[in-house]
N, C-alpha and C. Protein backbone atom coordinates (compact mmCIF):
# COMPACT_ATOMS: atom_id res chain seq x y z
N MET A 1 5.93 -40.03 -31.03
CA MET A 1 7.85 -39.56 -30.19
C MET A 1 7.62 -41.09 -29.41
N SER A 2 8.63 -41.24 -29.51
CA SER A 2 9.58 -42.53 -29.72
C SER A 2 9.94 -42.91 -28.17
N GLU A 3 8.92 -44.54 -27.91
CA GLU A 3 9.58 -44.26 -26.69
C GLU A 3 11.45 -44.17 -25.70
N ASP A 4 12.03 -44.31 -26.44
CA ASP A 4 13.03 -44.11 -26.09
C ASP A 4 13.20 -42.73 -25.48
N LEU A 5 12.10 -41.67 -26.12
CA LEU A 5 12.66 -40.11 -26.22
C LEU A 5 11.39 -39.72 -25.16
N GLN A 6 10.59 -40.70 -24.79
CA GLN A 6 8.91 -40.27 -24.18
C GLN A 6 10.25 -40.76 -23.02
N ASN A 7 10.36 -41.20 -22.35
CA ASN A 7 12.07 -42.32 -21.69
C ASN A 7 12.50 -41.06 -21.36
N GLN A 8 13.04 -40.90 -21.93
CA GLN A 8 13.90 -39.97 -21.44
C GLN A 8 12.96 -38.28 -21.08
N ILE A 9 11.92 -38.00 -20.95
CA ILE A 9 11.05 -37.21 -20.93
C ILE A 9 10.92 -36.84 -19.57
N ASP A 10 10.23 -38.37 -19.25
CA ASP A 10 9.51 -38.85 -18.07
C ASP A 10 10.91 -38.42 -16.87
N GLN A 11 12.52 -38.76 -17.50
CA GLN A 11 13.50 -38.53 -16.30
C GLN A 11 13.27 -37.94 -16.06
N THR A 12 12.97 -36.70 -16.90
CA THR A 12 13.61 -35.41 -16.76
C THR A 12 12.61 -34.67 -15.98
N ILE A 13 11.17 -35.66 -15.88
CA ILE A 13 10.34 -34.38 -15.25
C ILE A 13 10.73 -34.58 -13.46
N ARG A 14 10.37 -36.16 -13.26
CA ARG A 14 10.87 -36.60 -12.17
C ARG A 14 12.30 -36.04 -11.59
N GLU A 15 12.98 -35.86 -12.05
CA GLU A 15 14.49 -35.68 -12.08
C GLU A 15 14.17 -34.26 -10.96
N LEU A 16 13.08 -32.93 -12.41
CA LEU A 16 13.14 -32.06 -12.06
C LEU A 16 11.40 -31.66 -10.42
N GLU A 17 10.62 -33.11 -10.36
CA GLU A 17 10.11 -32.97 -9.13
C GLU A 17 11.20 -32.93 -7.76
N GLU A 18 11.50 -34.10 -8.24
CA GLU A 18 12.97 -33.89 -6.54
C GLU A 18 13.47 -32.76 -6.43
N LYS A 19 13.45 -31.63 -7.48
CA LYS A 19 14.85 -30.82 -7.16
C LYS A 19 13.29 -29.59 -6.93
N ALA A 20 12.21 -29.19 -7.58
CA ALA A 20 11.06 -28.43 -7.62
C ALA A 20 11.31 -28.70 -5.85
N SER A 21 10.27 -30.06 -5.38
CA SER A 21 10.27 -30.44 -4.36
C SER A 21 10.83 -29.78 -2.95
N THR A 22 12.06 -29.22 -3.12
CA THR A 22 13.10 -28.30 -2.16
C THR A 22 13.19 -26.76 -2.62
N GLY A 23 11.84 -26.59 -3.34
CA GLY A 23 11.70 -25.60 -3.37
C GLY A 23 12.91 -24.81 -4.56
N ASP A 24 13.52 -25.00 -5.26
CA ASP A 24 14.96 -24.59 -6.12
C ASP A 24 13.54 -24.37 -7.64
N SER A 25 13.62 -22.72 -7.49
CA SER A 25 12.93 -21.87 -8.16
C SER A 25 13.17 -22.19 -9.79
N GLU A 26 14.77 -22.50 -10.16
CA GLU A 26 14.46 -22.96 -11.68
C GLU A 26 13.93 -24.58 -11.93
N ALA A 27 13.77 -24.97 -11.24
CA ALA A 27 13.56 -26.37 -11.34
C ALA A 27 12.02 -26.31 -11.73
N GLN A 28 11.67 -25.30 -10.65
CA GLN A 28 10.02 -26.06 -10.61
C GLN A 28 9.65 -24.92 -11.82
N SER A 29 10.48 -23.97 -12.14
CA SER A 29 9.53 -23.39 -13.79
C SER A 29 10.05 -24.18 -15.25
N ASP A 30 11.56 -24.91 -14.60
CA ASP A 30 12.03 -26.14 -15.77
C ASP A 30 10.23 -26.95 -16.45
N LEU A 31 9.76 -27.27 -14.48
CA LEU A 31 9.19 -28.59 -14.70
C LEU A 31 7.66 -28.01 -14.94
N PHE A 32 7.24 -25.96 -14.80
CA PHE A 32 6.62 -25.80 -15.59
C PHE A 32 6.40 -26.61 -16.93
N VAL A 33 7.46 -25.63 -17.62
CA VAL A 33 7.73 -26.11 -18.87
C VAL A 33 7.19 -27.24 -19.18
N PHE A 34 7.77 -28.70 -18.60
CA PHE A 34 7.42 -29.32 -19.51
C PHE A 34 6.10 -30.18 -19.42
N LEU A 35 5.49 -30.10 -17.91
CA LEU A 35 3.97 -30.54 -17.56
C LEU A 35 3.18 -29.35 -18.35
N ASN A 36 3.32 -28.75 -18.30
CA ASN A 36 2.36 -27.55 -19.39
C ASN A 36 2.19 -28.61 -20.69
N ALA A 37 3.54 -28.35 -21.44
CA ALA A 37 3.36 -29.42 -22.89
C ALA A 37 2.54 -30.47 -22.55
N LYS A 38 3.13 -31.54 -21.66
CA LYS A 38 2.73 -32.55 -21.35
C LYS A 38 0.83 -32.51 -21.29
N ALA A 39 0.17 -31.87 -20.52
CA ALA A 39 -0.96 -31.42 -19.83
C ALA A 39 -1.63 -30.76 -21.52
N MET A 40 -1.41 -30.36 -22.58
CA MET A 40 -1.27 -29.72 -23.82
C MET A 40 -1.76 -31.42 -24.53
N GLU A 41 -0.49 -32.08 -24.13
CA GLU A 41 -0.19 -33.31 -25.02
C GLU A 41 -1.01 -34.52 -24.51
N GLU A 42 -1.81 -34.20 -23.95
CA GLU A 42 -2.76 -35.26 -22.66
C GLU A 42 -4.03 -34.80 -22.75
N TYR A 43 -4.44 -34.14 -22.96
CA TYR A 43 -5.61 -33.27 -22.64
C TYR A 43 -5.99 -33.26 -20.67
N ASP A 44 -5.31 -32.48 -20.39
CA ASP A 44 -5.50 -33.47 -18.58
C ASP A 44 -5.11 -31.93 -17.34
N GLN A 45 -6.32 -31.82 -16.95
CA GLN A 45 -6.42 -30.34 -16.81
C GLN A 45 -5.59 -30.90 -15.52
N SER A 46 -5.10 -31.51 -15.04
CA SER A 46 -4.70 -32.32 -13.43
C SER A 46 -3.33 -31.52 -13.38
N ILE A 47 -2.78 -32.47 -14.89
CA ILE A 47 -1.06 -31.41 -14.85
C ILE A 47 -1.12 -30.09 -15.47
N PHE A 48 -2.06 -29.56 -16.49
CA PHE A 48 -2.27 -28.26 -16.37
C PHE A 48 -2.06 -27.33 -15.10
N ASP A 49 -3.06 -27.94 -13.87
CA ASP A 49 -3.15 -27.60 -13.54
C ASP A 49 -1.43 -27.39 -11.47
N ARG A 50 -0.93 -28.66 -12.16
CA ARG A 50 0.41 -28.73 -11.63
C ARG A 50 1.26 -28.26 -12.09
N ALA A 51 1.39 -27.76 -13.34
CA ALA A 51 1.91 -26.91 -14.06
C ALA A 51 2.20 -25.65 -13.67
N GLU A 52 0.94 -24.96 -13.98
CA GLU A 52 0.79 -23.82 -13.03
C GLU A 52 1.28 -23.43 -11.80
N GLU A 53 0.94 -24.44 -10.60
CA GLU A 53 1.41 -24.47 -9.11
C GLU A 53 2.84 -24.31 -9.33
N MET A 54 3.56 -25.08 -10.55
CA MET A 54 4.53 -24.68 -10.06
C MET A 54 5.35 -23.81 -10.41
N LEU A 55 4.86 -22.99 -11.75
CA LEU A 55 5.50 -21.68 -12.12
C LEU A 55 5.51 -20.91 -11.20
N ILE A 56 3.98 -20.60 -10.80
CA ILE A 56 3.58 -19.58 -9.82
C ILE A 56 5.00 -18.80 -8.54
N ARG A 57 4.62 -21.03 -7.59
CA ARG A 57 6.35 -21.20 -7.23
C ARG A 57 7.07 -20.99 -7.47
N SER A 58 7.71 -20.74 -8.92
CA SER A 58 8.79 -20.35 -9.34
C SER A 58 9.19 -18.68 -9.56
N ALA A 59 7.70 -18.03 -9.69
CA ALA A 59 7.66 -16.88 -10.21
C ALA A 59 7.43 -16.33 -8.94
N GLU A 60 6.22 -16.28 -8.19
CA GLU A 60 7.44 -15.57 -6.76
C GLU A 60 7.77 -16.08 -5.54
N ALA A 61 8.69 -17.04 -5.62
CA ALA A 61 10.31 -16.74 -5.20
C ALA A 61 11.88 -15.68 -6.05
N GLY A 62 10.55 -15.44 -7.32
CA GLY A 62 11.39 -14.40 -7.84
C GLY A 62 12.25 -14.72 -9.39
N TRP A 63 12.03 -16.21 -9.61
CA TRP A 63 12.89 -16.98 -10.76
C TRP A 63 12.47 -15.53 -12.17
N PRO A 64 13.72 -15.14 -12.69
CA PRO A 64 12.85 -14.33 -13.99
C PRO A 64 12.04 -14.80 -15.19
N GLU A 65 12.27 -16.49 -15.19
CA GLU A 65 12.28 -16.75 -16.58
C GLU A 65 10.22 -17.35 -16.03
N ALA A 66 10.20 -17.26 -14.71
CA ALA A 66 8.97 -17.99 -14.74
C ALA A 66 8.02 -16.65 -14.04
N VAL A 67 8.27 -15.49 -13.90
CA VAL A 67 7.77 -14.17 -13.61
C VAL A 67 7.36 -13.82 -15.23
N GLU A 68 8.40 -14.04 -16.23
CA GLU A 68 7.87 -13.70 -17.53
C GLU A 68 6.56 -13.87 -17.90
N GLN A 69 6.99 -15.74 -17.57
CA GLN A 69 5.89 -16.70 -18.29
C GLN A 69 4.26 -16.16 -17.86
N MET A 70 4.52 -15.74 -16.20
CA MET A 70 3.54 -15.58 -16.04
C MET A 70 2.85 -14.69 -16.25
N LYS A 71 3.51 -14.01 -17.13
CA LYS A 71 2.60 -12.95 -18.01
C LYS A 71 1.52 -13.30 -19.28
N MET A 72 1.72 -14.51 -19.58
CA MET A 72 0.95 -15.76 -20.85
C MET A 72 0.17 -16.15 -19.92
N GLN A 73 0.20 -16.08 -18.51
CA GLN A 73 -0.80 -17.45 -18.41
C GLN A 73 -1.94 -17.14 -18.64
N PRO A 74 -2.96 -16.25 -18.69
CA PRO A 74 -4.32 -16.22 -18.77
C PRO A 74 -5.28 -16.72 -20.38
N LYS A 75 -3.29 -15.71 -21.19
CA LYS A 75 -4.05 -17.06 -22.36
C LYS A 75 -3.93 -18.39 -22.33
N ARG A 76 -2.95 -18.85 -21.84
CA ARG A 76 -2.56 -19.75 -21.45
C ARG A 76 -3.71 -21.09 -20.89
N HIS A 77 -4.51 -20.27 -20.07
CA HIS A 77 -5.66 -20.90 -19.60
C HIS A 77 -6.93 -20.94 -20.79
N ARG A 78 -6.87 -19.41 -21.32
CA ARG A 78 -8.11 -19.60 -22.46
C ARG A 78 -7.48 -21.21 -23.92
N ALA A 79 -5.89 -20.91 -24.59
CA ALA A 79 -5.91 -22.27 -24.97
C ALA A 79 -5.95 -23.59 -25.09
N PHE A 80 -5.84 -23.24 -22.93
CA PHE A 80 -6.05 -25.00 -22.98
C PHE A 80 -7.53 -24.74 -22.55
N ALA A 81 -8.63 -24.29 -22.28
CA ALA A 81 -9.55 -24.00 -22.37
C ALA A 81 -10.47 -25.02 -23.67
N GLY A 82 -10.17 -23.64 -24.30
CA GLY A 82 -10.07 -24.03 -25.79
C GLY A 82 -10.14 -25.76 -26.44
N ARG A 83 -8.66 -25.92 -26.65
CA ARG A 83 -8.52 -26.96 -26.53
C ARG A 83 -8.42 -27.92 -26.08
N LEU A 84 -9.38 -28.12 -24.69
CA LEU A 84 -9.76 -29.47 -23.90
C LEU A 84 -11.04 -29.62 -24.61
N GLN A 85 -11.79 -28.38 -24.85
CA GLN A 85 -13.23 -27.87 -25.68
C GLN A 85 -13.37 -29.12 -26.52
N ARG A 86 -13.28 -28.21 -27.63
CA ARG A 86 -12.12 -29.29 -28.96
C ARG A 86 -12.36 -30.47 -28.72
N ASN A 87 -11.09 -31.20 -28.07
CA ASN A 87 -11.50 -32.65 -27.80
C ASN A 87 -12.29 -33.59 -27.84
N ALA A 88 -13.64 -32.80 -26.03
CA ALA A 88 -13.95 -33.13 -26.58
C ALA A 88 -15.27 -33.75 -26.96
N LYS A 89 -15.38 -32.49 -27.97
CA LYS A 89 -16.10 -32.38 -29.46
C LYS A 89 -15.27 -33.45 -30.20
N SER A 90 -14.68 -34.10 -30.40
CA SER A 90 -14.28 -35.12 -31.09
C SER A 90 -15.20 -36.29 -30.63
């Protein structure tokens, strides 16, 4: 990934973090998407946990996309755990 693209992604995450901290459920849902991808790329449990926290908050607030995404969360847990396990063996 180019440095410029990574900088744009990081900036977007910072902006979403700010909105999400005010309870903006759309921003929380969008932040989940970015953080989940980042957790998968970096094999980072703490980022994955933060992503899940944002998803749960957004779903609890009734944001439709988050409510739908919650249905996939058990599969995401398994996929992430498998990814961590494979990475640990490398």
